[in-house]
Amino acid sequence: MTRLGEHGVPDEVWEPAAKAFTEEELANLLVAIATINVWNRLSIAARNQPPTEV
């Protein structure tokens, strides 16, 4: 979902996901992916470095 082609998500990617998840689960998955993508882009733009220790 973070690298969409001109026509969106290809059927060969979407169809297995649609079989594995309910519509509500797909919606939640899309929101989770979008949220992670936004945080990653903000972190990159702010030049944040990952922690050296966990």
PDB file of N, CA and C in Angstrom:
ATOM      1  N   MET A   1       0.810  -1.188   0.000  1.00  0.00           N
ATOM      2  CA  MET A   1       0.000   0.000   0.000  1.00  0.00           C
ATOM      3  C   MET A   1       0.858   1.258   0.000  1.00  0.00           C
ATOM      4  N   THR A   2       2.083   1.159   0.437  1.00  0.00           N
ATOM      5  CA  THR A   2       2.915   2.365   0.477  1.00  0.00           C
ATOM      6  C   THR A   2       3.534   2.681  -0.876  1.00  0.00           C
ATOM      7  N   ARG A   3       3.574   1.717  -1.776  1.00  0.00           N
ATOM      8  CA  ARG A   3       4.097   1.945  -3.129  1.00  0.00           C
ATOM      9  C   ARG A   3       3.039   1.490  -4.124  1.00  0.00           C
ATOM     10  N   LEU A   4       2.112   2.366  -4.422  1.00  0.00           N
ATOM     11  CA  LEU A   4       1.014   2.028  -5.315  1.00  0.00           C
ATOM     12  C   LEU A   4       1.383   2.292  -6.760  1.00  0.00           C
ATOM     13  N   GLY A   5       0.933   1.419  -7.623  1.00  0.00           N
ATOM     14  CA  GLY A   5       1.105   1.643  -9.042  1.00  0.00           C
ATOM     15  C   GLY A   5       0.054   2.615  -9.547  1.00  0.00           C
ATOM     16  N   GLU A   6       0.055   2.829 -10.828  1.00  0.00           N
ATOM     17  CA  GLU A   6      -0.878   3.777 -11.443  1.00  0.00           C
ATOM     18  C   GLU A   6      -2.336   3.392 -11.200  1.00  0.00           C
ATOM     19  N   HIS A   7      -2.607   2.093 -11.075  1.00  0.00           N
ATOM     20  CA  HIS A   7      -3.981   1.616 -10.934  1.00  0.00           C
ATOM     21  C   HIS A   7      -4.275   1.058  -9.555  1.00  0.00           C
ATOM     22  N   GLY A   8      -3.506   1.448  -8.555  1.00  0.00           N
ATOM     23  CA  GLY A   8      -3.755   1.002  -7.189  1.00  0.00           C
ATOM     24  C   GLY A   8      -3.129  -0.349  -6.903  1.00  0.00           C
ATOM     25  N   VAL A   9      -3.689  -1.042  -5.929  1.00  0.00           N
ATOM     26  CA  VAL A   9      -3.176  -2.345  -5.518  1.00  0.00           C
ATOM     27  C   VAL A   9      -3.573  -3.380  -6.570  1.00  0.00           C
ATOM     28  N   PRO A  10      -2.619  -4.145  -7.086  1.00  0.00           N
ATOM     29  CA  PRO A  10      -2.951  -5.154  -8.092  1.00  0.00           C
ATOM     30  C   PRO A  10      -3.891  -6.228  -7.530  1.00  0.00           C
ATOM     31  N   ASP A  11      -4.724  -6.781  -8.380  1.00  0.00           N
ATOM     32  CA  ASP A  11      -5.670  -7.822  -7.968  1.00  0.00           C
ATOM     33  C   ASP A  11      -4.958  -9.016  -7.341  1.00  0.00           C
ATOM     34  N   GLU A  12      -3.779  -9.377  -7.852  1.00  0.00           N
ATOM     35  CA  GLU A  12      -3.077 -10.536  -7.307  1.00  0.00           C
ATOM     36  C   GLU A  12      -2.563 -10.292  -5.894  1.00  0.00           C
ATOM     37  N   VAL A  13      -2.538  -9.057  -5.464  1.00  0.00           N
ATOM     38  CA  VAL A  13      -2.185  -8.720  -4.077  1.00  0.00           C
ATOM     39  C   VAL A  13      -3.450  -8.574  -3.239  1.00  0.00           C
ATOM     40  N   TRP A  14      -4.452  -7.894  -3.793  1.00  0.00           N
ATOM     41  CA  TRP A  14      -5.671  -7.607  -3.036  1.00  0.00           C
ATOM     42  C   TRP A  14      -6.500  -8.857  -2.770  1.00  0.00           C
ATOM     43  N   GLU A  15      -6.672  -9.706  -3.773  1.00  0.00           N
ATOM     44  CA  GLU A  15      -7.572 -10.854  -3.644  1.00  0.00           C
ATOM     45  C   GLU A  15      -7.202 -11.815  -2.511  1.00  0.00           C
ATOM     46  N   PRO A  16      -5.926 -12.210  -2.354  1.00  0.00           N
ATOM     47  CA  PRO A  16      -5.596 -13.074  -1.218  1.00  0.00           C
ATOM     48  C   PRO A  16      -5.851 -12.393   0.134  1.00  0.00           C
ATOM     49  N   ALA A  17      -5.591 -11.090   0.196  1.00  0.00           N
ATOM     50  CA  ALA A  17      -5.846 -10.360   1.446  1.00  0.00           C
ATOM     51  C   ALA A  17      -7.338 -10.334   1.738  1.00  0.00           C
ATOM     52  N   ALA A  18      -8.156 -10.111   0.714  1.00  0.00           N
ATOM     53  CA  ALA A  18      -9.608 -10.058   0.888  1.00  0.00           C
ATOM     54  C   ALA A  18     -10.170 -11.420   1.308  1.00  0.00           C
ATOM     55  N   LYS A  19      -9.506 -12.495   0.913  1.00  0.00           N
ATOM     56  CA  LYS A  19      -9.940 -13.838   1.327  1.00  0.00           C
ATOM     57  C   LYS A  19      -9.517 -14.140   2.763  1.00  0.00           C
ATOM     58  N   ALA A  20      -8.400 -13.567   3.190  1.00  0.00           N
ATOM     59  CA  ALA A  20      -7.853 -13.859   4.516  1.00  0.00           C
ATOM     60  C   ALA A  20      -8.458 -12.998   5.619  1.00  0.00           C
ATOM     61  N   PHE A  21      -8.977 -11.806   5.266  1.00  0.00           N
ATOM     62  CA  PHE A  21      -9.480 -10.861   6.262  1.00  0.00           C
ATOM     63  C   PHE A  21     -10.904 -10.448   5.946  1.00  0.00           C
ATOM     64  N   THR A  22     -11.669 -10.110   6.999  1.00  0.00           N
ATOM     65  CA  THR A  22     -12.993  -9.540   6.804  1.00  0.00           C
ATOM     66  C   THR A  22     -12.835  -8.104   6.312  1.00  0.00           C
ATOM     67  N   GLU A  23     -13.942  -7.497   5.883  1.00  0.00           N
ATOM     68  CA  GLU A  23     -13.867  -6.094   5.444  1.00  0.00           C
ATOM     69  C   GLU A  23     -13.388  -5.187   6.569  1.00  0.00           C
ATOM     70  N   GLU A  24     -13.864  -5.426   7.775  1.00  0.00           N
ATOM     71  CA  GLU A  24     -13.432  -4.610   8.922  1.00  0.00           C
ATOM     72  C   GLU A  24     -11.949  -4.813   9.206  1.00  0.00           C
ATOM     73  N   GLU A  25     -11.480  -6.050   9.139  1.00  0.00           N
ATOM     74  CA  GLU A  25     -10.057  -6.317   9.363  1.00  0.00           C
ATOM     75  C   GLU A  25      -9.195  -5.682   8.274  1.00  0.00           C
ATOM     76  N   LEU A  26      -9.663  -5.726   7.024  1.00  0.00           N
ATOM     77  CA  LEU A  26      -8.932  -5.067   5.936  1.00  0.00           C
ATOM     78  C   LEU A  26      -8.849  -3.566   6.178  1.00  0.00           C
ATOM     79  N   ALA A  27      -9.952  -2.973   6.597  1.00  0.00           N
ATOM     80  CA  ALA A  27      -9.962  -1.539   6.881  1.00  0.00           C
ATOM     81  C   ALA A  27      -8.978  -1.213   7.997  1.00  0.00           C
ATOM     82  N   ASN A  28      -8.983  -2.017   9.062  1.00  0.00           N
ATOM     83  CA  ASN A  28      -8.043  -1.798  10.171  1.00  0.00           C
ATOM     84  C   ASN A  28      -6.604  -1.976   9.717  1.00  0.00           C
ATOM     85  N   LEU A  29      -6.362  -2.947   8.864  1.00  0.00           N
ATOM     86  CA  LEU A  29      -5.020  -3.171   8.337  1.00  0.00           C
ATOM     87  C   LEU A  29      -4.557  -1.986   7.497  1.00  0.00           C
ATOM     88  N   LEU A  30      -5.432  -1.469   6.652  1.00  0.00           N
ATOM     89  CA  LEU A  30      -5.091  -0.308   5.832  1.00  0.00           C
ATOM     90  C   LEU A  30      -4.774   0.912   6.690  1.00  0.00           C
ATOM     91  N   VAL A  31      -5.564   1.127   7.744  1.00  0.00           N
ATOM     92  CA  VAL A  31      -5.299   2.262   8.645  1.00  0.00           C
ATOM     93  C   VAL A  31      -3.968   2.065   9.366  1.00  0.00           C
ATOM     94  N   ALA A  32      -3.674   0.846   9.800  1.00  0.00           N
ATOM     95  CA  ALA A  32      -2.394   0.579  10.476  1.00  0.00           C
ATOM     96  C   ALA A  32      -1.221   0.836   9.528  1.00  0.00           C
ATOM     97  N   ILE A  33      -1.321   0.355   8.287  1.00  0.00           N
ATOM     98  CA  ILE A  33      -0.255   0.568   7.311  1.00  0.00           C
ATOM     99  C   ILE A  33      -0.073   2.054   7.035  1.00  0.00           C
ATOM    100  N   ALA A  34      -1.173   2.765   6.856  1.00  0.00           N
ATOM    101  CA  ALA A  34      -1.089   4.205   6.582  1.00  0.00           C
ATOM    102  C   ALA A  34      -0.466   4.952   7.755  1.00  0.00           C
ATOM    103  N   THR A  35      -0.828   4.576   8.979  1.00  0.00           N
ATOM    104  CA  THR A  35      -0.285   5.227  10.173  1.00  0.00           C
ATOM    105  C   THR A  35       1.226   4.998  10.287  1.00  0.00           C
ATOM    106  N   ILE A  36       1.655   3.769  10.090  1.00  0.00           N
ATOM    107  CA  ILE A  36       3.084   3.457  10.143  1.00  0.00           C
ATOM    108  C   ILE A  36       3.827   4.234   9.061  1.00  0.00           C
ATOM    109  N   ASN A  37       3.236   4.299   7.871  1.00  0.00           N
ATOM    110  CA  ASN A  37       3.857   5.021   6.764  1.00  0.00           C
ATOM    111  C   ASN A  37       4.034   6.506   7.104  1.00  0.00           C
ATOM    112  N   VAL A  38       3.011   7.112   7.697  1.00  0.00           N
ATOM    113  CA  VAL A  38       3.100   8.534   8.071  1.00  0.00           C
ATOM    114  C   VAL A  38       4.199   8.741   9.104  1.00  0.00           C
ATOM    115  N   TRP A  39       4.253   7.905  10.133  1.00  0.00           N
ATOM    116  CA  TRP A  39       5.281   8.065  11.166  1.00  0.00           C
ATOM    117  C   TRP A  39       6.677   7.872  10.590  1.00  0.00           C
ATOM    118  N   ASN A  40       6.828   6.916   9.690  1.00  0.00           N
ATOM    119  CA  ASN A  40       8.138   6.722   9.040  1.00  0.00           C
ATOM    120  C   ASN A  40       8.537   7.948   8.236  1.00  0.00           C
ATOM    121  N   ARG A  41       7.603   8.493   7.459  1.00  0.00           N
ATOM    122  CA  ARG A  41       7.914   9.664   6.641  1.00  0.00           C
ATOM    123  C   ARG A  41       8.232  10.889   7.502  1.00  0.00           C
ATOM    124  N   LEU A  42       7.496  11.075   8.596  1.00  0.00           N
ATOM    125  CA  LEU A  42       7.797  12.188   9.505  1.00  0.00           C
ATOM    126  C   LEU A  42       9.170  12.024  10.139  1.00  0.00           C
ATOM    127  N   SER A  43       9.488  10.807  10.531  1.00  0.00           N
ATOM    128  CA  SER A  43      10.788  10.550  11.145  1.00  0.00           C
ATOM    129  C   SER A  43      11.925  10.817  10.165  1.00  0.00           C
ATOM    130  N   ILE A  44      11.744  10.391   8.924  1.00  0.00           N
ATOM    131  CA  ILE A  44      12.767  10.636   7.899  1.00  0.00           C
ATOM    132  C   ILE A  44      12.907  12.132   7.631  1.00  0.00           C
ATOM    133  N   ALA A  45      11.779  12.826   7.516  1.00  0.00           N
ATOM    134  CA  ALA A  45      11.817  14.268   7.248  1.00  0.00           C
ATOM    135  C   ALA A  45      12.492  15.031   8.390  1.00  0.00           C
ATOM    136  N   ALA A  46      12.287  14.567   9.626  1.00  0.00           N
ATOM    137  CA  ALA A  46      12.881  15.227  10.790  1.00  0.00           C
ATOM    138  C   ALA A  46      14.309  14.753  11.048  1.00  0.00           C
ATOM    139  N   ARG A  47      14.785  13.847  10.213  1.00  0.00           N
ATOM    140  CA  ARG A  47      16.147  13.303  10.323  1.00  0.00           C
ATOM    141  C   ARG A  47      16.399  12.619  11.663  1.00  0.00           C
ATOM    142  N   ASN A  48      15.384  11.974  12.194  1.00  0.00           N
ATOM    143  CA  ASN A  48      15.540  11.199  13.443  1.00  0.00           C
ATOM    144  C   ASN A  48      16.357   9.954  13.172  1.00  0.00           C
ATOM    145  N   GLN A  49      17.215   9.615  14.088  1.00  0.00           N
ATOM    146  CA  GLN A  49      18.020   8.398  14.002  1.00  0.00           C
ATOM    147  C   GLN A  49      17.405   7.335  14.904  1.00  0.00           C
ATOM    148  N   PRO A  50      17.445   6.088  14.476  1.00  0.00           N
ATOM    149  CA  PRO A  50      16.933   5.017  15.345  1.00  0.00           C
ATOM    150  C   PRO A  50      17.766   4.937  16.610  1.00  0.00           C
ATOM    151  N   PRO A  51      17.182   4.468  17.702  1.00  0.00           N
ATOM    152  CA  PRO A  51      17.955   4.348  18.938  1.00  0.00           C
ATOM    153  C   PRO A  51      19.097   3.350  18.782  1.00  0.00           C
ATOM    154  N   THR A  52      20.205   3.606  19.456  1.00  0.00           N
ATOM    155  CA  THR A  52      21.349   2.697  19.374  1.00  0.00           C
ATOM    156  C   THR A  52      21.173   1.521  20.342  1.00  0.00           C
ATOM    157  N   GLU A  53      20.341   1.715  21.371  1.00  0.00           N
ATOM    158  CA  GLU A  53      20.067   0.650  22.342  1.00  0.00           C
ATOM    159  C   GLU A  53      18.566   0.504  22.478  1.00  0.00           C
ATOM    160  N   VAL A  54      18.164  -0.736  22.689  1.00  0.00           N
ATOM    161  CA  VAL A  54      16.729  -0.996  22.855  1.00  0.00           C
ATOM    162  C   VAL A  54      16.461  -1.371  24.284  1.00  0.00           C
TER     163      VAL A  54
END
